[in-house]
Amino acid sequence: MGELLYNVPMPQFFIENSDVILKLLVAVGLGMLIGAERLLVHKEAGMKTHALVSLGAAVFMVISEAMTLKYMNLPGLNPTMMVSQIIVGIGFLGAGSIIFHSNKLLGLTTAGGLWVTAGIGMAAGFGLFGLATIITILVLFILVVFNLFEKPIRKISADIDSTPH
């Protein structure tokens, strides 16, 4: 572990780090799935954005776990601090995706999607692959199936708004 990367043969590097690599790949893959749905419905935050959010959250979880293992006897170490900062950082990113335009609030679903995608990355980064997968399935269910219900409701709502009172 103490050796520099250039002193370690590549196959050995991948074997020694396979658990971390798997965590990061799962985070990227699940984030991409959510981003693909967002891309299909023509939203700004697509595959790259969601994959990066999920990967970033996973990276910070891996770092947090490594720090906990390395410094577990250090007084005052609180491994949840990094986790909480991920949530704050993603909240800031989500807030940037929300805009108010023509008396309409836009980007809330994108902000929520980025927030939950960070949670997926956190789960993957901690090795909770089953949880990350279940969350991804639920997010895709919400985005796809609920959209089918929302369209007719929005049409009815638009019709009600356009009728003279």
Protein backbone atom coordinates (compact mmCIF):
# COMPACT_ATOMS: atom_id res chain seq x y z
CA MET A 1 0.00 0.00 0.00
CA GLY A 2 2.88 2.35 0.70
CA GLU A 3 4.33 1.98 -2.81
CA LEU A 4 3.86 4.61 -5.43
CA LEU A 5 1.59 3.77 -8.33
CA TYR A 6 4.44 3.69 -10.88
CA ASN A 7 6.22 0.96 -8.88
CA VAL A 8 3.18 -1.36 -8.98
CA PRO A 9 2.45 -3.48 -12.06
CA MET A 10 -0.95 -2.60 -13.55
CA PRO A 11 -2.61 -6.03 -12.98
CA GLN A 12 -1.51 -5.94 -9.34
CA PHE A 13 -2.90 -2.42 -8.98
CA PHE A 14 -6.31 -3.51 -10.28
CA ILE A 15 -6.37 -6.60 -8.06
CA GLU A 16 -5.40 -4.65 -4.94
CA ASN A 17 -7.98 -1.96 -5.66
CA SER A 18 -10.76 -4.07 -7.16
CA ASP A 19 -13.21 -3.29 -4.34
CA VAL A 20 -12.79 0.48 -4.80
CA ILE A 21 -12.92 0.20 -8.59
CA LEU A 22 -16.15 -1.83 -8.34
CA LYS A 23 -17.71 0.77 -6.03
CA LEU A 24 -16.84 3.58 -8.43
CA LEU A 25 -18.02 1.69 -11.52
CA VAL A 26 -21.34 0.81 -9.88
CA ALA A 27 -21.82 4.47 -8.90
CA VAL A 28 -21.08 5.65 -12.45
CA GLY A 29 -23.34 3.01 -14.04
CA LEU A 30 -26.32 3.71 -11.80
CA GLY A 31 -25.90 7.47 -12.15
CA MET A 32 -25.78 7.06 -15.93
CA LEU A 33 -29.08 5.14 -15.89
CA ILE A 34 -30.85 8.01 -14.18
CA GLY A 35 -29.12 10.52 -16.45
CA ALA A 36 -30.23 8.55 -19.51
CA GLU A 37 -33.87 8.97 -18.50
CA ARG A 38 -33.33 12.69 -17.97
CA LEU A 39 -31.67 12.92 -21.38
CA LEU A 40 -34.61 11.11 -23.01
CA VAL A 41 -37.01 13.73 -21.66
CA HIS A 42 -34.72 16.55 -22.86
CA LYS A 43 -33.50 17.84 -19.50
CA GLU A 44 -30.23 19.71 -19.07
CA ALA A 45 -28.71 17.47 -16.40
CA GLY A 46 -28.23 14.21 -18.32
CA MET A 47 -25.99 11.18 -18.26
CA LYS A 48 -22.69 12.96 -17.66
CA THR A 49 -24.03 15.14 -14.87
CA HIS A 50 -25.75 12.31 -13.01
CA ALA A 51 -22.79 9.96 -13.48
CA LEU A 52 -20.42 12.62 -12.15
CA VAL A 53 -22.63 13.39 -9.14
CA SER A 54 -22.90 9.71 -8.30
CA LEU A 55 -19.17 9.13 -8.84
CA GLY A 56 -18.24 12.17 -6.77
CA ALA A 57 -20.39 11.03 -3.87
CA ALA A 58 -18.90 7.52 -4.12
CA VAL A 59 -15.35 8.92 -4.13
CA PHE A 60 -16.04 10.90 -0.96
CA MET A 61 -17.54 7.83 0.70
CA VAL A 62 -14.48 5.75 -0.22
CA ILE A 63 -12.22 8.49 1.14
CA SER A 64 -14.32 8.76 4.31
CA GLU A 65 -14.12 5.00 4.84
CA ALA A 66 -10.36 4.98 4.22
CA MET A 67 -9.86 7.86 6.64
CA THR A 68 -11.91 6.07 9.27
CA LEU A 69 -9.80 2.92 8.91
CA LYS A 70 -6.52 4.83 8.94
CA TYR A 71 -7.33 7.22 11.78
CA MET A 72 -9.86 5.25 13.82
CA ASN A 73 -7.93 5.81 17.06
CA LEU A 74 -7.68 9.56 16.54
CA PRO A 75 -9.79 11.35 19.17
CA GLY A 76 -12.56 13.49 17.74
CA LEU A 77 -12.69 11.74 14.36
CA ASN A 78 -16.22 11.84 13.04
CA PRO A 79 -16.60 9.91 9.76
CA THR A 80 -20.10 11.27 9.25
CA MET A 81 -18.74 14.78 8.69
CA MET A 82 -17.78 14.03 5.09
CA VAL A 83 -21.14 12.39 4.46
CA SER A 84 -23.00 15.44 5.70
CA GLN A 85 -20.88 17.72 3.54
CA ILE A 86 -21.77 15.70 0.44
CA ILE A 87 -25.42 16.41 1.15
CA VAL A 88 -24.73 20.13 1.62
CA GLY A 89 -22.67 20.30 -1.58
CA ILE A 90 -25.30 18.56 -3.64
CA GLY A 91 -27.93 20.88 -2.17
CA PHE A 92 -25.90 23.80 -3.52
CA LEU A 93 -25.64 22.12 -6.94
CA GLY A 94 -29.38 21.42 -6.94
CA ALA A 95 -30.21 24.98 -5.96
CA GLY A 96 -28.29 26.15 -9.01
CA SER A 97 -30.53 24.04 -11.25
CA ILE A 98 -33.76 25.63 -9.98
CA ILE A 99 -35.00 28.73 -11.79
CA PHE A 100 -38.11 30.87 -11.59
CA HIS A 101 -39.38 31.78 -15.05
CA SER A 102 -42.76 33.25 -16.07
CA ASN A 103 -44.37 32.50 -12.71
CA LYS A 104 -43.20 28.88 -12.94
CA LEU A 105 -40.61 27.12 -10.84
CA LEU A 106 -38.40 24.97 -13.08
CA GLY A 107 -35.71 22.45 -12.25
CA LEU A 108 -37.09 20.98 -9.04
CA THR A 109 -37.13 17.44 -10.43
CA THR A 110 -33.59 17.91 -11.70
CA ALA A 111 -32.47 19.14 -8.27
CA GLY A 112 -34.21 16.23 -6.56
CA GLY A 113 -32.73 13.80 -9.07
CA LEU A 114 -29.22 15.11 -8.46
CA TRP A 115 -29.75 14.89 -4.72
CA VAL A 116 -30.93 11.28 -4.78
CA THR A 117 -28.22 10.37 -7.35
CA ALA A 118 -25.67 11.56 -4.80
CA GLY A 119 -27.31 9.21 -2.31
CA ILE A 120 -26.94 6.37 -4.81
CA GLY A 121 -23.27 7.22 -5.19
CA MET A 122 -22.87 7.31 -1.42
CA ALA A 123 -24.45 3.87 -1.10
CA ALA A 124 -22.26 2.47 -3.87
CA GLY A 125 -19.18 4.12 -2.40
CA PHE A 126 -19.87 2.42 0.90
CA GLY A 127 -20.37 -0.93 -0.86
CA LEU A 128 -24.14 -1.07 -0.38
CA PHE A 129 -24.75 -2.20 -3.96
CA GLY A 130 -28.19 -3.69 -3.29
CA LEU A 131 -29.40 -0.47 -1.70
CA ALA A 132 -27.92 1.61 -4.54
CA THR A 133 -29.64 -0.59 -7.12
CA ILE A 134 -33.01 -0.48 -5.35
CA ILE A 135 -32.80 3.32 -5.07
CA THR A 136 -31.98 3.54 -8.79
CA ILE A 137 -34.97 1.37 -9.69
CA LEU A 138 -37.24 3.48 -7.50
CA VAL A 139 -35.93 6.74 -9.00
CA LEU A 140 -36.46 5.44 -12.54
CA PHE A 141 -39.95 4.25 -11.55
CA ILE A 142 -40.76 7.71 -10.21
CA LEU A 143 -39.35 9.52 -13.24
CA VAL A 144 -40.90 7.24 -15.88
CA VAL A 145 -44.16 5.95 -14.41
CA PHE A 146 -45.15 9.10 -12.56
CA ASN A 147 -44.52 11.06 -15.74
CA LEU A 148 -47.19 8.94 -17.45
CA PHE A 149 -49.67 9.99 -14.76
CA GLU A 150 -48.55 13.63 -14.68
CA LYS A 151 -49.09 14.35 -18.38
CA PRO A 152 -52.90 13.86 -18.41
CA ILE A 153 -53.22 15.67 -15.07
CA ARG A 154 -51.23 18.64 -16.42
CA LYS A 155 -53.45 18.69 -19.53
CA ILE A 156 -56.60 18.72 -17.40
CA SER A 157 -55.09 21.46 -15.27
CA ALA A 158 -54.21 23.52 -18.34
CA ASP A 159 -57.73 23.08 -19.68
CA ILE A 160 -59.19 24.24 -16.36
CA ASP A 161 -56.86 27.27 -16.31
CA SER A 162 -57.81 28.25 -19.86
CA THR A 163 -61.60 28.13 -19.38
CA PRO A 164 -63.22 31.51 -18.65
CA HIS A 165 -64.40 31.93 -15.06
